[in-house]
C-alpha atoms as a PDB file:
ATOM      1  CA  MET A   1     -35.577  62.386 -49.476  1.00  0.00           C
ATOM      2  CA  THR A   2     -36.824  61.857 -45.957  1.00  0.00           C
ATOM      3  CA  GLY A   3     -35.125  60.010 -43.219  1.00  0.00           C
ATOM      4  CA  PRO A   4     -36.727  57.252 -41.111  1.00  0.00           C
ATOM      5  CA  ARG A   5     -39.859  58.215 -39.219  1.00  0.00           C
ATOM      6  CA  THR A   6     -39.522  58.727 -35.527  1.00  0.00           C
ATOM      7  CA  PRO A   7     -42.017  56.691 -33.583  1.00  0.00           C
ATOM      8  CA  SER A   8     -44.624  58.544 -31.611  1.00  0.00           C
ATOM      9  CA  THR A   9     -44.574  58.358 -27.858  1.00  0.00           C
ATOM     10  CA  ALA A  10     -47.788  56.223 -27.986  1.00  0.00           C
ATOM     11  CA  GLU A  11     -46.073  53.856 -30.459  1.00  0.00           C
ATOM     12  CA  GLU A  12     -43.070  53.610 -28.184  1.00  0.00           C
ATOM     13  CA  LEU A  13     -45.283  52.727 -25.272  1.00  0.00           C
ATOM     14  CA  ARG A  14     -47.092  50.021 -27.308  1.00  0.00           C
ATOM     15  CA  GLY A  15     -43.734  48.697 -28.599  1.00  0.00           C
ATOM     16  CA  ALA A  16     -42.590  48.326 -24.975  1.00  0.00           C
ATOM     17  CA  GLY A  17     -45.745  46.320 -24.176  1.00  0.00           C
ATOM     18  CA  LEU A  18     -47.339  49.189 -22.132  1.00  0.00           C
ATOM     19  CA  ARG A  19     -50.875  50.381 -22.297  1.00  0.00           C
ATOM     20  CA  VAL A  20     -51.068  53.850 -23.746  1.00  0.00           C
ATOM     21  CA  THR A  21     -52.750  56.410 -21.389  1.00  0.00           C
ATOM     22  CA  ALA A  22     -52.690  60.172 -21.598  1.00  0.00           C
ATOM     23  CA  ALA A  23     -50.906  60.263 -18.350  1.00  0.00           C
ATOM     24  CA  ARG A  24     -48.148  57.888 -19.493  1.00  0.00           C
ATOM     25  CA  VAL A  25     -47.626  59.832 -22.723  1.00  0.00           C
ATOM     26  CA  ALA A  26     -47.459  63.120 -20.656  1.00  0.00           C
ATOM     27  CA  LEU A  27     -45.084  61.543 -18.156  1.00  0.00           C
ATOM     28  CA  LEU A  28     -42.707  60.233 -20.764  1.00  0.00           C
ATOM     29  CA  GLU A  29     -42.695  63.628 -22.643  1.00  0.00           C
ATOM     30  CA  THR A  30     -42.169  65.496 -19.421  1.00  0.00           C
ATOM     31  CA  VAL A  31     -39.130  63.326 -18.431  1.00  0.00           C
ATOM     32  CA  ARG A  32     -37.647  63.787 -21.914  1.00  0.00           C
ATOM     33  CA  ASP A  33     -38.192  67.504 -21.903  1.00  0.00           C
ATOM     34  CA  GLY A  34     -36.789  67.931 -18.455  1.00  0.00           C
ATOM     35  CA  ASP A  35     -33.347  67.622 -16.938  1.00  0.00           C
ATOM     36  CA  HIS A  36     -33.028  64.836 -14.481  1.00  0.00           C
ATOM     37  CA  LEU A  37     -36.289  65.597 -12.815  1.00  0.00           C
ATOM     38  CA  GLY A  38     -37.499  64.316  -9.436  1.00  0.00           C
ATOM     39  CA  VAL A  39     -40.953  62.804  -8.920  1.00  0.00           C
ATOM     40  CA  GLU A  40     -42.570  66.038  -7.772  1.00  0.00           C
ATOM     41  CA  ALA A  41     -41.395  68.041 -10.757  1.00  0.00           C
ATOM     42  CA  ILE A  42     -42.540  65.168 -13.025  1.00  0.00           C
ATOM     43  CA  ALA A  43     -45.958  65.171 -11.445  1.00  0.00           C
ATOM     44  CA  SER A  44     -46.204  68.846 -11.888  1.00  0.00           C
ATOM     45  CA  GLY A  45     -45.256  68.578 -15.509  1.00  0.00           C
ATOM     46  CA  VAL A  46     -47.837  65.847 -16.150  1.00  0.00           C
ATOM     47  CA  ARG A  47     -50.494  67.895 -14.402  1.00  0.00           C
ATOM     48  CA  GLU A  48     -49.782  70.877 -16.608  1.00  0.00           C
ATOM     49  CA  ARG A  49     -50.352  68.629 -19.694  1.00  0.00           C
ATOM     50  CA  VAL A  50     -53.331  66.494 -18.708  1.00  0.00           C
ATOM     51  CA  GLY A  51     -54.806  67.854 -15.519  1.00  0.00           C
ATOM     52  CA  HIS A  52     -55.042  65.939 -12.231  1.00  0.00           C
ATOM     53  CA  VAL A  53     -52.992  62.793 -11.637  1.00  0.00           C
ATOM     54  CA  SER A  54     -52.141  61.296  -8.302  1.00  0.00           C
ATOM     55  CA  LEU A  55     -48.530  61.066  -7.086  1.00  0.00           C
ATOM     56  CA  GLN A  56     -49.090  57.279  -6.665  1.00  0.00           C
ATOM     57  CA  ALA A  57     -50.049  57.094 -10.407  1.00  0.00           C
ATOM     58  CA  VAL A  58     -46.864  58.921 -11.306  1.00  0.00           C
ATOM     59  CA  TYR A  59     -44.701  56.492  -9.182  1.00  0.00           C
ATOM     60  CA  GLU A  60     -46.419  53.513 -10.792  1.00  0.00           C
ATOM     61  CA  ALA A  61     -45.942  54.874 -14.311  1.00  0.00           C
ATOM     62  CA  LEU A  62     -42.286  55.756 -13.626  1.00  0.00           C
ATOM     63  CA  HIS A  63     -41.760  52.171 -12.364  1.00  0.00           C
ATOM     64  CA  ALA A  64     -43.374  50.697 -15.474  1.00  0.00           C
ATOM     65  CA  LEU A  65     -41.430  52.998 -17.830  1.00  0.00           C
ATOM     66  CA  THR A  66     -38.137  52.340 -16.128  1.00  0.00           C
ATOM     67  CA  ALA A  67     -38.727  48.547 -16.312  1.00  0.00           C
ATOM     68  CA  ALA A  68     -39.504  48.916 -19.933  1.00  0.00           C
ATOM     69  CA  GLY A  69     -36.323  50.788 -20.553  1.00  0.00           C
ATOM     70  CA  LEU A  70     -38.019  53.951 -21.781  1.00  0.00           C
ATOM     71  CA  VAL A  71     -36.860  55.971 -18.685  1.00  0.00           C
ATOM     72  CA  ARG A  72     -33.715  55.687 -16.596  1.00  0.00           C
ATOM     73  CA  ARG A  73     -33.645  56.186 -12.782  1.00  0.00           C
ATOM     74  CA  ILE A  74     -30.553  57.580 -11.140  1.00  0.00           C
ATOM     75  CA  GLU A  75     -30.150  58.078  -7.479  1.00  0.00           C
ATOM     76  CA  PRO A  76     -27.023  60.035  -6.401  1.00  0.00           C
ATOM     77  CA  ALA A  77     -26.048  59.329  -2.718  1.00  0.00           C
ATOM     78  CA  GLY A  78     -28.042  61.568  -0.467  1.00  0.00           C
ATOM     79  CA  SER A  79     -30.484  62.677  -3.151  1.00  0.00           C
ATOM     80  CA  PRO A  80     -33.978  61.599  -4.066  1.00  0.00           C
ATOM     81  CA  ALA A  81     -34.358  59.587  -7.260  1.00  0.00           C
ATOM     82  CA  ARG A  82     -34.335  61.499 -10.551  1.00  0.00           C
ATOM     83  CA  PHE A  83     -35.427  60.285 -13.995  1.00  0.00           C
ATOM     84  CA  GLU A  84     -34.119  60.921 -17.431  1.00  0.00           C
ATOM     85  CA  GLY A  85     -35.105  60.039 -21.043  1.00  0.00           C
ATOM     86  CA  ARG A  86     -31.586  59.346 -22.177  1.00  0.00           C
ATOM     87  CA  VAL A  87     -31.471  55.543 -22.276  1.00  0.00           C
ATOM     88  CA  GLY A  88     -29.717  52.875 -24.283  1.00  0.00           C
ATOM     89  CA  ASP A  89     -26.117  54.145 -23.851  1.00  0.00           C
ATOM     90  CA  ASN A  90     -23.769  53.847 -20.909  1.00  0.00           C
ATOM     91  CA  HIS A  91     -23.368  57.616 -19.978  1.00  0.00           C
ATOM     92  CA  HIS A  92     -22.531  58.883 -16.549  1.00  0.00           C
ATOM     93  CA  HIS A  93     -23.348  61.948 -14.428  1.00  0.00           C
ATOM     94  CA  LEU A  94     -21.830  65.038 -12.831  1.00  0.00           C
ATOM     95  CA  VAL A  95     -23.568  66.089  -9.604  1.00  0.00           C
ATOM     96  CA  CYS A  96     -23.024  69.398  -7.796  1.00  0.00           C
ATOM     97  CA  ARG A  97     -22.319  68.997  -4.097  1.00  0.00           C
ATOM     98  CA  SER A  98     -23.712  72.410  -3.459  1.00  0.00           C
ATOM     99  CA  CYS A  99     -27.104  72.809  -5.425  1.00  0.00           C
ATOM    100  CA  GLY A 100     -27.575  69.201  -6.577  1.00  0.00           C
ATOM    101  CA  ALA A 101     -27.546  70.017 -10.266  1.00  0.00           C
ATOM    102  CA  VAL A 102     -27.074  66.959 -12.524  1.00  0.00           C
ATOM    103  CA  ALA A 103     -25.503  66.884 -15.950  1.00  0.00           C
ATOM    104  CA  ASP A 104     -24.822  64.086 -18.371  1.00  0.00           C
ATOM    105  CA  VAL A 105     -21.341  63.093 -19.362  1.00  0.00           C
ATOM    106  CA  ASP A 106     -20.350  60.556 -21.951  1.00  0.00           C
ATOM    107  CA  CYS A 107     -17.993  57.610 -21.145  1.00  0.00           C
ATOM    108  CA  ALA A 108     -14.426  58.895 -20.805  1.00  0.00           C
ATOM    109  CA  ALA A 109     -12.922  56.697 -23.422  1.00  0.00           C
ATOM    110  CA  GLY A 110     -15.034  55.375 -26.359  1.00  0.00           C
ATOM    111  CA  ASP A 111     -16.638  51.955 -26.014  1.00  0.00           C
ATOM    112  CA  ALA A 112     -17.787  51.972 -22.441  1.00  0.00           C
ATOM    113  CA  PRO A 113     -14.531  50.726 -20.918  1.00  0.00           C
ATOM    114  CA  CYS A 114     -16.117  50.880 -17.496  1.00  0.00           C
ATOM    115  CA  LEU A 115     -18.197  47.797 -18.318  1.00  0.00           C
ATOM    116  CA  THR A 116     -15.019  45.695 -18.224  1.00  0.00           C
ATOM    117  CA  ALA A 117     -14.503  45.267 -14.474  1.00  0.00           C
ATOM    118  CA  SER A 118     -11.161  44.222 -12.983  1.00  0.00           C
ATOM    119  CA  GLU A 119     -13.093  41.330 -11.390  1.00  0.00           C
ATOM    120  CA  ASP A 120     -16.544  40.422 -12.387  1.00  0.00           C
ATOM    121  CA  HIS A 121     -17.182  37.734  -9.726  1.00  0.00           C
ATOM    122  CA  GLY A 122     -19.197  35.718 -12.274  1.00  0.00           C
ATOM    123  CA  PHE A 123     -21.657  38.583 -12.885  1.00  0.00           C
ATOM    124  CA  SER A 124     -22.746  39.311 -16.469  1.00  0.00           C
ATOM    125  CA  ILE A 125     -22.256  43.135 -16.395  1.00  0.00           C
ATOM    126  CA  ASP A 126     -24.504  45.301 -18.592  1.00  0.00           C
ATOM    127  CA  GLU A 127     -24.300  48.712 -17.006  1.00  0.00           C
ATOM    128  CA  ALA A 128     -21.983  50.749 -14.983  1.00  0.00           C
ATOM    129  CA  GLU A 129     -23.045  53.830 -13.015  1.00  0.00           C
ATOM    130  CA  VAL A 130     -20.345  56.291 -12.447  1.00  0.00           C
ATOM    131  CA  ILE A 131     -21.078  59.618 -10.662  1.00  0.00           C
ATOM    132  CA  TYR A 132     -18.557  62.455 -10.738  1.00  0.00           C
ATOM    133  CA  TRP A 133     -19.067  64.793  -7.644  1.00  0.00           C
ATOM    134  CA  GLY A 134     -17.898  68.444  -7.594  1.00  0.00           C
ATOM    135  CA  ARG A 135     -19.398  71.914  -7.815  1.00  0.00           C
ATOM    136  CA  CYS A 136     -21.184  73.304 -10.830  1.00  0.00           C
ATOM    137  CA  PRO A 137     -19.847  76.528 -12.508  1.00  0.00           C
ATOM    138  CA  ASP A 138     -22.585  78.715 -10.797  1.00  0.00           C
ATOM    139  CA  CYS A 139     -21.716  77.348  -7.291  1.00  0.00           C
ATOM    140  CA  SER A 140     -17.896  77.467  -8.017  1.00  0.00           C
ATOM    141  CA  THR A 141     -18.067  81.170  -8.799  1.00  0.00           C
ATOM    142  CA  SER A 142     -20.550  82.075  -6.127  1.00  0.00           C
ATOM    143  CA  GLY A 143     -18.445  80.583  -3.342  1.00  0.00           C
ATOM    144  CA  SER A 144     -21.391  78.416  -2.102  1.00  0.00           C
ATOM    145  CA  THR A 145     -20.488  75.437   0.076  1.00  0.00           C
END
């Protein structure tokens, strides 16, 4: 017995109403294979897969994929934007103050309690962004500041 078939990257792009191009497929796969990558690292990964692609094309594709909900953009204070393929849940992030490493962390208590604000001011809240700051294990043991 086989489980449900996982849609291909091209099918996901089509399903989100986006045109399928080799660069977009490579970009989505690069983001998903990476770990909270910045734009330069994504561009490098795309170039390794499909050859030349301009930085502007990478920015445009990231914008389209983020708007379509296939990629999530995070921007910790004082850091450039980073992108991840983990979407559709309300997870949070740990950020190292020393080296800038980023790690995912699930909501602290079950059903995304952070989506229930003490005061919503009439907003319809659909996402909360929590960033925990500290030092990663490597920086903690090395004494880096």
